[in-house]
Amino acid sequence: MRSAWRNVLLFALTAGSIYVTGGPRLAVALLAILLAHEMGHYLACRHYRVDATLPFFIPLPILSFVGTLGAFIRIRSRIPHRRALIDIGAAGPLAGFVVCLPVLYLGVREAQVLPRPPGGDGLSLGEPLLFQWAARALLPPIPEGMELAIGPLGLAAWFGLLVTALNLMPVGQLDGGHVVYALARRWHRHVSLVGVGVCLVLLYFHPAWLLWSVFLLVLSRQHPPTRDDERPPGPARLVLGLAAFAVFAVCFTPSPFLLSWADFGQAWSELLTSR
């Protein structure tokens, strides 16, 4: 194994960044989710003898309400066949999702029902389906004029679901793009373009999709072939792929931040005038 000092250093910096931003519970829960996601990819690569790096974590103590932009691994050799591709692509988000479930349970239990602030002050987060289901199952109905205020564990679960959904978008070389290529490689390019188009439509309504739209436009290029593209993935991998996209459906929210372009313009104007 090559020297891992950069990986260890970035992990430590990210742990410190999350701790400073949101405290120890956010740090432990969020790092567990992100680490499970990336190690799912890494261990699947090791299983198929694909050369891959250990996870690189991304600290972001400024301009981030969770203290990180997530993590990634680099795959440095070609994947042997489409069965391996779907295993490697799906292993990360599914592993992170499994770890996210108990964090979500504890996060909903930790949340408080508080009066909605006047004028909609503060950052409001869009809730994916799974978060909504968990809140309905574990909490009494929220009265009119009140809202659910999540704590550190709820924020870790929310961000974990967001990361899972973004990575499972069926575009380019994202995890979801790997799954699409493994199951229907001839349709991969078309599905990627549709995914980018949907993201651009979401951008029209929600400025939160700006950076991700640019990222997807870069990633929407042709997927590299495996060493044996003719080897079929098999029915078990079809089930795995469908499970991955079911997870995507319950984790995705079209408006992760309840922010309109008018709100964005006002916030930007206030930022400029405050200097």
Foldseek 3Di string as FASTA:
>chain_A
DPDCPQQVVQLVLQLVLQCVLARDVLSVLLCQLLQQLAVQLVVLCVVQVFDKDRKGWAADNPPDNRGGPGIHMDTDDFRAELLSLLSNLLRRLVRSLVSLVVLLLVFLVQKDKAFQDPPNPDWDFDAFQVSVVSNPVPHPDRDPRIDIGTGSSNVSSLVSLVVLLLQLQCAAPRSVVSLCCQAPVVCSLVSNVVSLVVLVVLCQWEVVSVVVSVVRVVRRDRHDHHNCHPDHNDPVSVVSSVVSVVSSRRSDDSYRIPAGVVNVVVVVVVVVVVD
